[in-house]
Protein backbone atom coordinates (compact mmCIF):
# COMPACT_ATOMS: atom_id res chain seq x y z
CA MET A 1 0.30 -0.03 -0.19
CA HIS A 2 2.56 2.47 1.12
CA ARG A 3 4.99 1.30 -2.54
CA LYS A 4 1.18 2.36 -4.24
CA THR A 5 0.86 5.99 -2.60
CA MET A 6 4.34 6.47 -3.28
CA LEU A 7 3.81 5.81 -6.67
CA SER A 8 0.70 7.92 -7.64
CA ALA A 9 2.52 10.86 -5.50
CA ALA A 10 4.93 10.33 -8.31
CA ILE A 11 2.72 10.64 -10.76
CA ILE A 12 0.95 13.31 -9.92
CA SER A 13 4.23 15.26 -9.83
CA CYS A 14 5.36 14.56 -13.16
CA LEU A 15 2.10 15.62 -14.36
CA ALA A 16 2.03 18.94 -12.09
CA PHE A 17 5.71 19.86 -13.15
CA SER A 18 4.71 18.83 -17.15
CA ALA A 19 1.98 21.49 -17.07
CA HIS A 20 4.02 24.19 -15.69
CA ALA A 21 6.58 23.56 -17.88
CA GLN A 22 4.11 23.63 -21.20
CA GLU A 23 2.50 27.36 -19.65
CA ALA A 24 6.33 28.04 -19.25
CA ALA A 25 7.04 27.35 -22.85
CA LYS A 26 3.94 29.11 -24.00
CA THR A 27 4.59 32.23 -22.29
CA ALA A 28 8.13 32.43 -23.40
CA THR A 29 7.76 31.43 -27.50
CA ASP A 30 4.16 31.00 -29.31
CA LEU A 31 5.43 27.75 -31.15
CA ASP A 32 3.48 28.45 -35.37
CA THR A 33 4.91 25.18 -36.05
CA VAL A 34 7.89 22.04 -35.72
CA THR A 35 10.32 21.16 -37.60
CA VAL A 36 11.49 17.53 -37.80
CA THR A 37 15.02 16.72 -39.63
CA GLY A 38 17.42 13.98 -39.70
CA ILE A 39 15.89 10.31 -39.54
CA ARG A 40 12.99 10.75 -37.75
CA GLY A 41 12.42 13.59 -40.96
CA SER A 42 12.90 10.63 -43.47
CA MET A 43 11.49 8.30 -41.81
CA GLU A 44 7.99 10.33 -41.61
CA LYS A 45 8.09 11.24 -45.49
CA SER A 46 8.67 7.10 -45.97
CA LEU A 47 5.63 6.43 -44.06
CA ASP A 48 3.20 9.53 -45.69
CA THR A 49 4.55 8.40 -48.87
CA LYS A 50 3.54 4.70 -48.47
CA ARG A 51 0.10 5.99 -46.63
CA GLU A 52 -0.80 8.12 -49.90
CA ALA A 53 0.58 5.91 -52.49
CA ASN A 54 -2.87 3.70 -54.04
CA ALA A 55 -0.61 0.30 -53.99
CA ARG A 56 2.31 -1.63 -52.30
CA VAL A 57 4.85 0.74 -51.80
CA GLU A 58 7.90 0.86 -49.68
CA VAL A 59 10.46 3.94 -49.79
CA VAL A 60 13.38 4.89 -48.45
CA THR A 61 14.49 8.39 -47.71
CA ALA A 62 17.54 10.07 -47.77
CA GLU A 63 17.77 13.92 -46.45
CA ASP A 64 21.46 14.26 -46.32
CA VAL A 65 23.80 13.30 -49.43
CA GLY A 66 26.14 10.56 -47.42
CA LYS A 67 23.14 9.80 -44.56
CA LEU A 68 22.67 6.27 -46.02
CA PRO A 69 25.38 3.04 -44.76
CA ALA A 70 25.29 1.98 -48.20
CA HIS A 71 27.77 2.15 -51.17
CA ASN A 72 25.59 2.05 -53.82
CA VAL A 73 21.26 2.04 -54.04
CA ALA A 74 21.36 -1.75 -54.07
CA ASP A 75 22.98 -1.73 -50.72
CA THR A 76 20.18 0.61 -49.77
CA LEU A 77 17.28 -1.52 -50.40
CA GLN A 78 18.25 -4.51 -48.83
CA ARG A 79 16.74 -3.44 -45.69
CA LEU A 80 13.03 -2.59 -47.54
CA PRO A 81 10.82 -6.78 -46.91
CA GLY A 82 10.40 -8.53 -50.23
CA VAL A 83 13.67 -6.76 -51.72
CA ASN A 84 16.08 -9.29 -52.44
CA ILE A 85 19.94 -8.25 -54.04
CA SER A 86 23.10 -10.11 -55.12
CA SER A 87 26.65 -9.18 -55.49
CA SER A 88 27.30 -10.66 -59.09
CA SER A 89 25.04 -10.88 -61.86
CA ALA A 90 26.16 -14.12 -64.11
CA ASP A 91 29.17 -16.59 -62.61
CA GLU A 92 32.12 -14.55 -61.16
CA GLY A 93 30.94 -15.50 -57.67
CA GLY A 94 30.22 -12.60 -55.04
CA PHE A 95 31.80 -9.60 -54.34
CA ASP A 96 32.01 -6.92 -51.88
CA GLU A 97 28.87 -4.16 -53.81
CA ALA A 98 26.01 -4.75 -54.33
CA ASP A 99 25.00 -5.60 -57.90
CA ARG A 100 21.28 -6.59 -58.73
CA VAL A 101 18.17 -5.89 -56.99
CA SER A 102 15.00 -8.47 -57.80
CA MET A 103 11.94 -8.97 -55.34
CA ARG A 104 10.06 -11.92 -53.86
CA GLY A 105 13.42 -14.35 -54.46
CA THR A 106 12.57 -14.02 -58.28
CA SER A 107 15.19 -13.15 -61.34
CA PRO A 108 16.63 -9.58 -61.03
CA SER A 109 15.63 -9.31 -64.80
CA LEU A 110 12.16 -9.89 -64.00
CA THR A 111 12.38 -6.23 -61.69
CA GLN A 112 12.44 -2.20 -63.43
CA THR A 113 14.39 -0.20 -62.54
CA LEU A 114 14.39 3.24 -63.52
CA ILE A 115 15.25 7.08 -62.25
CA ASN A 116 12.55 9.94 -62.63
CA GLY A 117 10.22 7.46 -63.88
CA HIS A 118 12.49 7.03 -66.94
CA SER A 119 14.14 3.99 -67.90
CA VAL A 120 18.44 3.92 -67.47
CA GLY A 121 21.07 2.11 -69.58
CA SER A 122 23.08 -0.61 -67.71
CA ALA A 123 26.06 -1.67 -67.75
CA ASP A 124 28.09 -4.52 -66.65
CA TRP A 125 32.14 -4.65 -66.24
CA PHE A 126 32.55 -8.40 -65.92
CA VAL A 127 33.05 -10.32 -69.24
CA LEU A 128 30.72 -12.94 -68.65
CA SER A 129 28.46 -10.20 -68.03
CA GLN A 130 28.57 -8.39 -71.05
CA GLY A 131 27.25 -11.51 -73.13
CA SER A 132 23.65 -12.46 -73.10
CA ASN A 133 23.45 -13.89 -70.30
CA VAL A 134 21.94 -11.42 -67.53
CA GLY A 135 18.69 -10.16 -69.31
CA ARG A 136 17.07 -7.36 -69.00
CA SER A 137 19.14 -6.46 -65.29
CA VAL A 138 19.97 -3.19 -64.46
CA SER A 139 23.98 -3.20 -62.71
CA TYR A 140 23.90 -1.34 -60.06
CA THR A 141 27.43 -0.37 -58.94
CA LEU A 142 26.79 2.84 -61.43
CA LEU A 143 24.52 4.12 -59.55
CA PRO A 144 26.12 5.71 -55.84
CA SER A 145 24.00 6.26 -52.50
CA GLU A 146 24.81 9.95 -52.86
CA LEU A 147 22.24 10.39 -55.74
CA VAL A 148 19.00 9.12 -54.06
CA SER A 149 16.79 11.74 -52.80
CA SER A 150 14.09 9.11 -52.29
CA VAL A 151 13.75 5.21 -53.33
CA GLU A 152 10.09 4.14 -54.41
CA VAL A 153 9.36 0.22 -54.64
CA ASN A 154 6.88 -0.33 -56.01
CA LYS A 155 5.71 -4.12 -55.43
CA SER A 156 2.10 -4.17 -57.28
CA SER A 157 1.57 -2.85 -60.88
CA GLN A 158 0.24 1.68 -61.76
CA ALA A 159 -1.23 2.89 -64.75
CA LYS A 160 1.83 5.72 -64.27
CA LEU A 161 4.71 3.38 -64.19
CA GLN A 162 6.20 1.96 -67.17
CA ASP A 163 5.74 -1.51 -68.63
CA GLY A 164 8.48 -4.24 -67.61
CA GLY A 165 8.09 -4.42 -64.48
CA THR A 166 6.97 -8.04 -63.64
CA THR A 167 8.12 -8.79 -60.24
CA GLY A 168 7.90 -4.78 -59.61
CA THR A 169 9.66 -1.81 -60.07
CA VAL A 170 12.14 0.11 -58.45
CA ASN A 171 12.25 3.94 -59.22
CA ILE A 172 15.66 5.87 -57.42
CA ILE A 173 14.26 9.45 -57.16
CA THR A 174 17.21 12.04 -57.46
CA ARG A 175 17.28 15.52 -55.39
CA LYS A 176 15.69 18.59 -57.23
CA PRO A 177 16.91 21.95 -57.40
CA LEU A 178 14.27 23.97 -56.57
CA GLU A 179 13.08 21.49 -53.56
CA PHE A 180 15.90 22.98 -51.35
CA PRO A 181 15.27 25.24 -48.45
CA ASN A 182 18.02 28.01 -48.81
CA GLN A 183 18.89 29.98 -51.67
CA ILE A 184 22.60 28.31 -51.61
CA THR A 185 23.49 24.57 -50.15
CA ALA A 186 27.11 23.52 -50.67
CA GLU A 187 27.22 19.51 -49.20
CA ALA A 188 30.75 17.26 -49.01
CA SER A 189 31.52 13.92 -47.97
CA VAL A 190 34.96 12.75 -47.28
CA GLY A 191 35.37 9.14 -46.16
CA ALA A 192 37.70 6.57 -46.59
CA VAL A 193 37.49 2.53 -47.02
CA ARG A 194 39.53 0.18 -45.37
CA SER A 195 40.06 -3.42 -47.42
CA ASP A 196 41.84 -5.59 -44.96
CA SER A 197 42.70 -8.51 -47.33
CA ALA A 198 43.63 -6.21 -50.03
CA LYS A 199 45.52 -3.96 -47.38
CA SER A 200 44.44 -0.83 -48.49
CA ASN A 201 42.92 2.52 -47.17
CA ASP A 202 40.50 3.85 -50.33
CA PRO A 203 38.94 7.60 -50.49
CA GLN A 204 35.40 8.15 -51.47
CA LEU A 205 34.73 11.77 -52.30
CA SER A 206 31.46 13.30 -53.04
CA GLY A 207 30.12 16.80 -53.23
CA LEU A 208 27.23 19.28 -54.22
CA PHE A 209 26.74 22.27 -55.07
CA ASN A 210 22.56 24.36 -55.47
CA TYR A 211 21.17 27.57 -56.31
CA LYS A 212 18.07 29.17 -56.64
CA ASN A 213 16.96 32.50 -56.50
CA ASP A 214 14.64 34.77 -54.43
CA ASP A 215 11.65 33.87 -56.32
CA GLY A 216 12.17 30.22 -56.20
CA THR A 217 11.82 29.66 -60.11
CA PHE A 218 15.03 28.81 -61.23
CA GLY A 219 17.46 26.61 -59.77
CA VAL A 220 20.68 24.77 -60.53
CA MET A 221 22.13 22.03 -58.94
CA VAL A 222 25.41 19.79 -59.21
CA GLN A 223 26.38 16.85 -57.98
CA ALA A 224 29.99 15.04 -58.23
CA PHE A 225 31.41 11.76 -57.08
CA SER A 226 34.84 10.36 -56.97
CA GLN A 227 35.22 6.48 -55.20
CA LYS A 228 38.05 4.08 -55.11
CA ARG A 229 38.05 0.53 -54.01
CA GLU A 230 40.70 -2.26 -53.61
CA LEU A 231 39.66 -5.44 -53.36
CA ARG A 232 41.16 -8.97 -53.22
CA ARG A 233 39.33 -12.69 -53.03
CA GLU A 234 40.68 -16.12 -51.90
CA ALA A 235 38.27 -18.85 -52.17
CA GLN A 236 37.41 -22.18 -53.80
CA GLU A 237 35.57 -22.51 -57.01
CA ILE A 238 33.83 -24.88 -59.08
CA PRO A 239 33.96 -23.17 -62.61
CA ALA A 240 33.15 -25.87 -65.00
CA GLY A 241 30.52 -27.60 -61.97
CA PHE A 242 30.10 -31.51 -62.22
CA PHE A 243 30.38 -33.56 -65.02
CA GLN A 244 28.89 -37.03 -65.46
CA ILE A 245 31.65 -40.03 -66.14
CA ASP A 246 30.94 -41.81 -69.52
CA PRO A 247 28.73 -44.45 -69.36
CA ASN A 248 30.71 -46.07 -72.17
CA GLY A 249 34.39 -44.07 -71.58
CA SER A 250 36.47 -46.41 -70.06
CA VAL A 251 36.28 -45.56 -66.75
CA ALA A 252 32.83 -46.78 -66.72
CA GLN A 253 33.72 -50.37 -68.40
CA SER A 254 36.60 -50.78 -65.41
CA ASN A 255 34.31 -49.63 -62.99
CA PRO A 256 30.69 -50.15 -63.83
CA ASP A 257 29.40 -48.94 -60.73
CA LEU A 258 30.53 -45.29 -62.27
CA ALA A 259 28.48 -45.14 -64.62
CA GLY A 260 26.65 -42.14 -64.88
CA VAL A 261 28.36 -40.89 -61.61
CA TYR A 262 29.11 -37.24 -61.39
CA ALA A 263 32.48 -35.80 -60.37
CA PRO A 264 34.28 -32.09 -59.93
CA SER A 265 35.37 -30.95 -63.45
CA LEU A 266 37.61 -28.49 -61.93
CA LEU A 267 38.31 -27.64 -58.16
CA GLY A 268 40.22 -24.43 -58.19
CA SER A 269 42.01 -22.34 -55.51
CA THR A 270 41.41 -18.89 -56.84
CA LEU A 271 42.74 -15.35 -55.96
CA PHE A 272 41.36 -12.48 -57.43
CA GLU A 273 42.44 -8.84 -57.38
CA GLN A 274 40.92 -5.88 -58.73
CA THR A 275 40.93 -1.85 -58.27
CA ARG A 276 37.51 0.09 -59.43
CA GLU A 277 37.44 3.92 -59.49
CA ARG A 278 34.06 5.00 -59.86
CA LYS A 279 33.29 8.52 -61.20
CA GLY A 280 30.92 10.92 -62.40
CA GLY A 281 28.18 13.11 -61.53
CA LEU A 282 24.73 14.90 -62.01
CA ILE A 283 23.41 18.12 -63.78
CA GLY A 284 19.94 19.14 -62.99
CA LEU A 285 18.17 22.37 -63.45
CA GLN A 286 14.90 23.48 -63.11
CA PHE A 287 12.28 26.70 -63.88
CA LYS A 288 8.87 27.56 -62.85
CA PRO A 289 7.13 29.65 -65.62
CA SER A 290 4.46 29.52 -63.19
CA ASP A 291 2.49 28.09 -60.42
CA ASN A 292 1.27 25.47 -62.32
CA LEU A 293 3.87 24.52 -64.40
CA THR A 294 7.36 23.22 -63.74
CA LEU A 295 10.04 22.49 -66.24
CA GLY A 296 13.19 20.04 -65.97
CA LEU A 297 16.45 19.13 -67.25
CA GLU A 298 19.22 16.55 -66.06
CA GLY A 299 21.96 15.06 -67.20
CA PHE A 300 23.73 12.26 -65.11
CA SER A 301 27.40 9.68 -66.21
CA SER A 302 29.04 7.56 -64.33
CA LYS A 303 31.90 5.31 -65.44
CA MET A 304 33.88 2.52 -63.28
CA ASP A 305 37.31 1.40 -64.70
CA ALA A 306 37.20 -2.20 -62.42
CA ASN A 307 40.74 -3.80 -63.72
CA ASN A 308 41.43 -7.31 -62.55
CA TYR A 309 43.79 -10.00 -62.44
CA ASN A 310 42.50 -13.23 -61.62
CA ARG A 311 44.76 -16.67 -61.22
CA ASN A 312 43.34 -19.80 -60.22
CA PHE A 313 45.07 -23.84 -59.81
CA MET A 314 42.62 -26.30 -60.52
CA LEU A 315 42.32 -29.90 -60.45
CA TRP A 316 41.34 -31.49 -63.63
CA GLY A 317 38.40 -34.26 -62.70
CA SER A 318 37.23 -34.66 -65.73
CA SER A 319 40.58 -34.37 -67.84
CA ILE A 320 42.03 -36.87 -65.47
CA MET A 321 38.54 -39.39 -65.80
CA SER A 322 37.72 -38.80 -69.50
CA ASP A 323 38.82 -40.56 -72.65
CA VAL A 324 41.64 -38.33 -75.19
CA LYS A 325 39.61 -39.48 -78.89
CA ASN A 326 41.51 -38.80 -81.87
CA SER A 327 39.51 -37.20 -85.05
CA SER A 328 38.17 -40.38 -86.15
CA GLY A 329 36.56 -41.46 -82.74
CA VAL A 330 39.50 -43.73 -81.54
CA VAL A 331 40.86 -43.34 -77.70
CA THR A 332 43.97 -42.15 -78.12
CA ARG A 333 44.38 -42.42 -74.04
CA PRO A 334 41.86 -43.77 -71.68
CA GLY A 335 40.68 -41.98 -68.22
CA GLN A 336 42.05 -42.93 -65.62
CA ALA A 337 39.91 -44.71 -63.15
CA PRO A 338 40.24 -43.69 -58.92
CA ASP A 339 41.68 -46.26 -57.38
CA ALA A 340 40.37 -48.76 -55.04
CA GLY A 341 38.39 -47.55 -51.63
CA TYR A 342 36.29 -44.65 -53.87
CA VAL A 343 32.86 -43.34 -52.73
CA VAL A 344 30.47 -42.45 -54.52
CA LYS A 345 27.10 -41.21 -52.43
CA ASP A 346 23.97 -40.43 -54.14
CA GLY A 347 24.99 -40.80 -57.23
CA VAL A 348 28.18 -38.40 -56.75
CA LEU A 349 31.88 -39.39 -56.24
CA THR A 350 32.91 -37.87 -53.32
CA ASN A 351 36.01 -39.46 -52.07
CA ALA A 352 38.03 -40.29 -55.11
CA ASN A 353 42.48 -41.12 -54.65
CA PHE A 354 44.28 -40.89 -58.15
CA THR A 355 47.88 -42.70 -58.14
CA GLY A 356 50.30 -40.72 -60.13
CA GLN A 357 50.80 -41.85 -63.72
CA ALA A 358 53.89 -40.80 -65.59
CA GLY A 359 52.69 -38.11 -68.69
CA ARG A 360 49.19 -37.27 -67.32
CA ASP A 361 48.63 -33.73 -66.15
CA TYR A 362 46.47 -33.54 -63.01
CA ALA A 363 46.11 -30.09 -62.61
CA VAL A 364 46.05 -26.58 -64.74
CA TYR A 365 46.95 -23.16 -63.75
CA ASP A 366 44.68 -20.04 -65.38
CA MET A 367 45.95 -16.69 -64.89
CA ILE A 368 43.62 -13.88 -66.34
CA TYR A 369 44.42 -9.96 -67.06
CA ARG A 370 42.00 -7.80 -67.73
CA GLU A 371 41.32 -4.05 -68.76
CA ALA A 372 37.36 -3.42 -67.73
CA THR A 373 35.16 -0.28 -67.91
CA ALA A 374 31.00 -0.08 -67.38
CA LYS A 375 29.42 3.40 -68.33
CA SER A 376 26.09 4.45 -67.82
CA SER A 377 24.15 8.08 -68.42
CA TYR A 378 21.13 9.64 -69.48
CA VAL A 379 19.81 12.79 -70.50
CA THR A 380 16.06 13.99 -69.74
CA LEU A 381 13.85 16.60 -69.85
CA ASP A 382 10.74 16.15 -68.29
CA ALA A 383 7.92 18.91 -67.86
CA ASP A 384 4.81 18.91 -64.67
CA TRP A 385 1.74 20.18 -65.24
CA GLN A 386 -0.92 20.79 -62.77
CA ILE A 387 -4.07 21.73 -65.08
CA ASN A 388 -6.41 22.02 -61.99
CA ASP A 389 -6.50 20.70 -58.86
CA SER A 390 -7.56 17.04 -60.14
CA LEU A 391 -6.23 16.76 -63.08
CA ASN A 392 -2.08 16.78 -63.43
CA ALA A 393 0.12 15.58 -66.36
CA LYS A 394 3.56 15.08 -66.61
CA PHE A 395 5.89 14.98 -70.24
CA GLN A 396 9.13 12.96 -70.80
CA ALA A 397 11.89 12.78 -73.01
CA GLY A 398 15.15 11.82 -73.10
CA ASN A 399 18.39 9.56 -74.20
CA THR A 400 20.15 7.01 -72.36
CA LYS A 401 23.30 4.43 -72.77
CA GLY A 402 24.83 2.03 -71.26
CA THR A 403 28.41 0.94 -72.16
CA GLY A 404 30.19 -2.57 -70.59
CA SER A 405 34.06 -3.15 -72.31
CA THR A 406 36.82 -5.35 -71.69
CA PRO A 407 38.99 -3.77 -74.51
CA ARG A 408 41.58 -6.11 -73.30
CA GLN A 409 41.82 -10.02 -71.78
CA PHE A 410 45.22 -11.79 -71.60
CA ILE A 411 44.76 -14.96 -70.45
CA ALA A 412 47.60 -17.37 -70.13
CA GLU A 413 47.19 -21.23 -68.99
CA LEU A 414 49.39 -23.93 -67.94
CA THR A 415 49.14 -27.86 -67.54
CA MET A 416 50.96 -28.61 -64.25
CA GLY A 417 51.09 -31.97 -61.62
CA THR A 418 52.22 -34.23 -64.34
CA GLY A 419 52.86 -37.32 -63.52
CA GLY A 420 52.07 -36.60 -59.55
CA GLY A 421 48.41 -38.07 -58.89
CA ALA A 422 45.79 -36.17 -57.26
CA ASN A 423 42.51 -36.83 -54.79
CA TRP A 424 39.35 -35.06 -53.72
CA THR A 425 37.13 -35.67 -50.71
CA THR A 426 34.13 -33.95 -50.58
CA HIS A 427 32.10 -32.39 -47.20
CA GLY A 428 28.58 -31.43 -48.96
CA ALA A 429 27.12 -28.88 -50.24
CA GLY A 430 27.96 -26.44 -47.86
CA SER A 431 31.44 -26.96 -47.79
CA PRO A 432 34.69 -26.57 -48.89
CA ILE A 433 36.13 -29.64 -51.05
CA ASP A 434 39.60 -31.19 -49.46
CA TRP A 435 41.75 -32.02 -52.42
CA ASN A 436 45.91 -32.50 -53.51
CA VAL A 437 47.77 -32.67 -56.47
CA GLY A 438 51.06 -34.10 -56.78
CA GLY A 439 54.55 -34.15 -58.06
CA ASP A 440 56.55 -30.95 -58.96
CA LEU A 441 54.59 -28.43 -59.00
CA SER A 442 56.83 -25.68 -60.09
CA PRO A 443 57.33 -23.26 -63.29
CA GLY A 444 59.63 -25.06 -64.84
CA ALA A 445 57.95 -28.37 -64.34
CA ALA A 446 55.06 -27.05 -66.04
CA ASN A 447 53.35 -27.23 -69.79
CA TRP A 448 52.09 -24.49 -71.82
CA GLY A 449 48.79 -25.00 -72.42
CA GLY A 450 48.09 -21.94 -74.72
CA THR A 451 48.13 -18.23 -74.53
CA TRP A 452 45.17 -15.54 -75.65
CA GLY A 453 45.18 -12.05 -76.00
CA ASN A 454 43.65 -8.63 -76.66
CA GLN A 455 40.17 -10.04 -76.79
CA GLU A 456 37.84 -7.37 -77.48
CA VAL A 457 34.22 -7.57 -75.70
CA THR A 458 31.40 -4.80 -76.01
CA ALA A 459 28.15 -4.92 -75.12
CA GLU A 460 25.66 -1.56 -75.74
CA ASP A 461 22.10 -1.37 -74.18
């Protein structure tokens, strides 16, 4: 009873103090408006947009340049429900920066990406992505987060959106000159990225300048960014996946239980190093000749140099176990069967040992250097006409282009481990494979497999 009385007294005292404080505040200053800024203002904007939308929409809003803790727009979107990101687009494996956006676990090609409601030409730096296997998806590596005023993720279709977003549409909205509260605004962001694997500290720079006249009828905005990243990746790869042992080949004839069994084609220990330099900017102009008409002109350009060096030392399983035939189909070198004691589980050769045979190569070593670039740009003219209180018309015209290029590609391939034998043991799909190649693996004992140079690849969107 005593504790209850003390609590009641405390509540009454707090209420009295609160009322007194409110009366004092009213006496000292008469507040007409309350302005919310920072992260709370950003959240309020997002909620207002979702509340007023006629469809299922998720929104991310950035109030100031660089406030989003992300390298690019894709990193920004990964926190939204139903949105998936990936750090690669083809077979190159994962990297540190998000590259593709999709919804509900579907292909990124089914998600449409727009900037201010218009299409954007996409480009990729990786040579396999520059082919035809990435579909209509957009690479986000050229879209830094500093460009963002807000990002709307439309999970259902609307008549005002362009066709093409089968699972949804991502609309990146940039900042506009007449939206700034002050006549002159200047902002800058200076940072650094530390990569422990590459032992590198790299600068991240961005800046913005905006001017609008006193009447708020004309404005110009300039944004620029320059960002560098050093990457290093050490990993295990199975580049060609698993091959199926030929039921009619020499191995299956000597060991019938291996006919049609799957085995790793190449087991690779890879080292990938890359330097990424992304530079570009955005220029926006706005003119408001009347209260109900706003004209805008915007240009954007982003270029990333992504030169890389990839080395991969691989156990060559498919070469060991497959027959070599001449042009007439005659076997000139039969495949080698594993030693006794091998293990087959669920149709996969999970444990195998191969005693060395003279003249047989058990490993291959690839060294690939690529010069790579990706560019994306657009110019767009738009008009927003508020005809009356219930009718609004918007017009857009523009041009966009994306170019991914590998102007130089130098490849050297060696065969190694001649006569040394090999073995491997798998540990399930979620674990690396233990493997070993014997024999002399020094450069002097390697056999040249071939070299290729200056293979130019260019893809335009």
